C-alpha cells in the first residue's frame, strides 16, 4: 500500500503445490498494485522456473506498455531475496540434513504371512522395498540425506 518499492511478507508453499514437483515447469507471476477502492492496477508479469528461483531478479513487464511506449523497459524489478526448499529438516550446528523415515516395525506383520507389508514374496518386492526405491528416486538430488529405518 502506497509504496513504490514494496517488500512482500515471506510465505510458504509446497513444491508440489507450486509446480507439481517439476522444477523445470515455467511459472508465471503477475504483479498488481492494490487499491483500497478495489480497482487494483496491473503492474506487470514475469516467468521463471522453480530451479531458477535462487536469489535472482526479474523485470516486471506490462505487455500493453511495451507495445504503446517506445522507451518502456519495465515496470520495475522483482527481487527474490530468499528461496528455501524445506523437507523434513534436522539442524545440528546450523547444518541441515534431509531426513526420510520408513517404519519397518514388526507390528506391521509377520514376513511369512502374505497379508503382511513385511511379506517376503519369492518373485516381487514387498511394500517396504517399493517404498525404499521410491524414496531413493525422490531424494537422489539432495546432497545431504539421512534415511532412518525403524525396525
Protein backbone atom coordinates (compact mmCIF):
# COMPACT_ATOMS: atom_id res chain seq x y z
CA UNK A 1 0.00 0.00 0.00
CA UNK A 2 1.31 3.41 -1.01
CA UNK A 3 4.75 2.03 -1.72
CA UNK A 4 6.69 2.05 -4.98
CA UNK A 5 9.25 -0.36 -3.50
CA UNK A 6 7.20 -2.95 -1.62
CA UNK A 7 8.74 -5.76 0.38
CA UNK A 8 6.29 -8.65 0.46
CA UNK A 9 5.93 -10.87 3.50
CA UNK A 10 7.56 -14.28 3.32
CA UNK A 11 5.22 -17.17 2.60
CA UNK A 12 5.42 -20.94 2.43
CA UNK A 13 4.19 -23.11 -0.39
CA UNK A 14 4.97 -26.73 -1.11
CA UNK A 15 6.96 -27.53 -4.24
CA UNK A 16 4.19 -29.95 -5.10
CA UNK A 17 1.56 -27.20 -4.95
CA UNK A 18 3.76 -24.70 -6.76
CA UNK A 19 4.91 -26.77 -9.71
CA UNK A 20 3.74 -30.37 -9.12
CA UNK A 21 7.32 -31.23 -8.14
CA UNK A 22 8.58 -30.34 -11.65
CA UNK A 23 11.39 -27.87 -11.01
CA UNK A 24 11.65 -27.11 -14.75
CA UNK A 25 7.97 -26.13 -15.10
CA UNK A 26 7.56 -22.50 -16.17
CA UNK A 27 5.78 -20.39 -13.53
CA UNK A 28 4.08 -17.11 -14.38
CA UNK A 29 3.99 -14.38 -11.71
CA UNK A 30 1.58 -11.47 -12.03
CA UNK A 31 2.08 -8.26 -10.03
CA UNK A 32 -0.78 -5.94 -9.09
CA UNK A 33 -0.89 -2.62 -7.23
CA UNK A 34 -3.52 -2.86 -4.51
CA UNK A 35 -6.04 -0.03 -4.30
CA UNK A 36 -8.46 0.42 -1.40
CA UNK A 37 -11.33 1.12 -3.83
CA UNK A 38 -10.92 -2.37 -5.30
CA UNK A 39 -9.69 -1.14 -8.70
CA UNK A 40 -6.28 -2.77 -8.49
CA UNK A 41 -3.77 -1.83 -11.19
CA UNK A 42 -1.91 -4.42 -13.24
CA UNK A 43 1.83 -3.65 -12.92
CA UNK A 44 3.31 -6.44 -14.98
CA UNK A 45 4.40 -10.03 -15.10
CA UNK A 46 7.40 -12.31 -15.44
CA UNK A 47 8.05 -16.02 -15.68
CA UNK A 48 10.65 -18.36 -14.29
CA UNK A 49 11.16 -21.98 -13.35
CA UNK A 50 11.47 -23.15 -9.77
CA UNK A 51 15.09 -24.14 -10.49
CA UNK A 52 15.86 -20.53 -11.48
CA UNK A 53 14.49 -19.14 -8.21
CA UNK A 54 17.71 -18.79 -6.28
CA UNK A 55 18.34 -15.18 -5.26
CA UNK A 56 17.70 -13.64 -8.65
CA UNK A 57 15.68 -10.79 -10.11
CA UNK A 58 13.19 -10.39 -12.93
CA UNK A 59 11.96 -7.45 -14.96
CA UNK A 60 8.26 -6.96 -14.35
CA UNK A 61 6.86 -6.32 -17.84
CA UNK A 62 3.46 -4.88 -18.72
CA UNK A 63 2.83 -6.10 -22.30
CA UNK A 64 0.45 -3.17 -23.05
CA UNK A 65 3.09 -0.61 -22.07
CA UNK A 66 5.70 -2.45 -24.09
CA UNK A 67 3.55 -2.04 -27.22
CA UNK A 68 2.38 1.54 -26.51
CA UNK A 69 5.52 3.21 -25.14
CA UNK A 70 8.71 3.44 -27.21
CA UNK A 71 11.20 3.76 -24.37
CA UNK A 72 9.45 1.35 -22.00
CA UNK A 73 11.90 -1.07 -20.36
CA UNK A 74 9.90 -2.47 -17.46
CA UNK A 75 7.57 -1.56 -14.62
CA UNK A 76 10.20 -2.38 -12.04
CA UNK A 77 12.28 -5.27 -10.82
CA UNK A 78 11.10 -8.15 -8.67
CA UNK A 79 13.94 -9.39 -6.49
CA UNK A 80 13.80 -12.73 -4.72
CA UNK A 81 15.91 -12.44 -1.60
CA UNK A 82 15.42 -15.94 -0.28
CA UNK A 83 14.06 -19.24 -1.53
CA UNK A 84 14.40 -22.30 0.69
CA UNK A 85 13.46 -25.86 -0.09
CA UNK A 86 12.34 -27.49 3.12
CA UNK A 87 11.95 -31.21 3.60
CA UNK A 88 11.97 -32.86 6.97
CA UNK A 89 14.86 -30.92 8.46
CA UNK A 90 17.10 -31.60 11.38
CA UNK A 91 19.66 -28.96 12.21
CA UNK A 92 22.91 -29.56 14.05
CA UNK A 93 25.33 -26.66 14.42
CA UNK A 94 23.49 -24.79 11.65
CA UNK A 95 23.96 -27.66 9.20
CA UNK A 96 20.73 -29.12 7.95
CA UNK A 97 20.20 -32.65 6.77
CA UNK A 98 17.17 -34.03 4.99
CA UNK A 99 15.64 -36.93 6.85
CA UNK A 100 13.37 -39.64 5.49
CA UNK A 101 11.87 -42.18 7.87
CA UNK A 102 10.38 -45.54 6.93
CA UNK A 103 8.69 -47.67 9.57
CA UNK A 104 9.69 -51.33 9.33
CA UNK A 105 8.45 -52.26 12.81
CA UNK A 106 7.38 -55.86 13.32
CA UNK A 107 3.94 -54.72 14.49
CA UNK A 108 3.15 -54.34 10.78
CA UNK A 109 3.08 -58.12 10.37
CA UNK A 110 4.95 -61.40 10.08
CA UNK A 111 7.11 -61.60 6.91
CA UNK A 112 5.82 -65.19 6.35
CA UNK A 113 2.19 -64.00 6.17
CA UNK A 114 1.15 -62.89 2.67
CA UNK A 115 -1.17 -60.25 4.20
CA UNK A 116 1.76 -58.53 5.92
CA UNK A 117 3.54 -55.49 4.49
CA UNK A 118 6.71 -57.37 5.51
CA UNK A 119 5.82 -60.42 3.42
CA UNK A 120 8.86 -61.69 1.54
CA UNK A 121 7.49 -62.74 -1.83
CA UNK A 122 9.77 -65.01 -3.85
CA UNK A 123 9.25 -63.04 -7.11
CA UNK A 124 8.15 -59.48 -6.28
CA UNK A 125 9.35 -56.68 -3.98
CA UNK A 126 7.28 -56.11 -0.85
CA UNK A 127 5.79 -52.74 0.11
CA UNK A 128 8.87 -51.73 2.09
CA UNK A 129 11.26 -52.37 -0.77
CA UNK A 130 8.95 -50.39 -3.06
CA UNK A 131 8.98 -47.54 -0.53
CA UNK A 132 12.79 -47.58 -0.32
CA UNK A 133 13.10 -47.45 -4.10
CA UNK A 134 10.61 -44.55 -4.30
CA UNK A 135 12.40 -42.60 -1.54
CA UNK A 136 15.73 -43.18 -3.27
CA UNK A 137 14.37 -41.82 -6.55
CA UNK A 138 12.88 -38.73 -4.90
CA UNK A 139 15.94 -37.96 -2.80
CA UNK A 140 18.74 -38.66 -5.28
CA UNK A 141 19.25 -34.96 -5.99
CA UNK A 142 19.87 -33.95 -2.37
CA UNK A 143 23.46 -33.54 -1.19
CA UNK A 144 22.91 -34.46 2.44
CA UNK A 145 20.37 -37.14 3.18
CA UNK A 146 19.83 -39.25 6.23
CA UNK A 147 17.44 -42.20 5.95
CA UNK A 148 16.14 -43.55 9.22
CA UNK A 149 14.60 -47.02 9.19
CA UNK A 150 12.61 -48.15 12.19
CA UNK A 151 12.59 -51.92 12.78
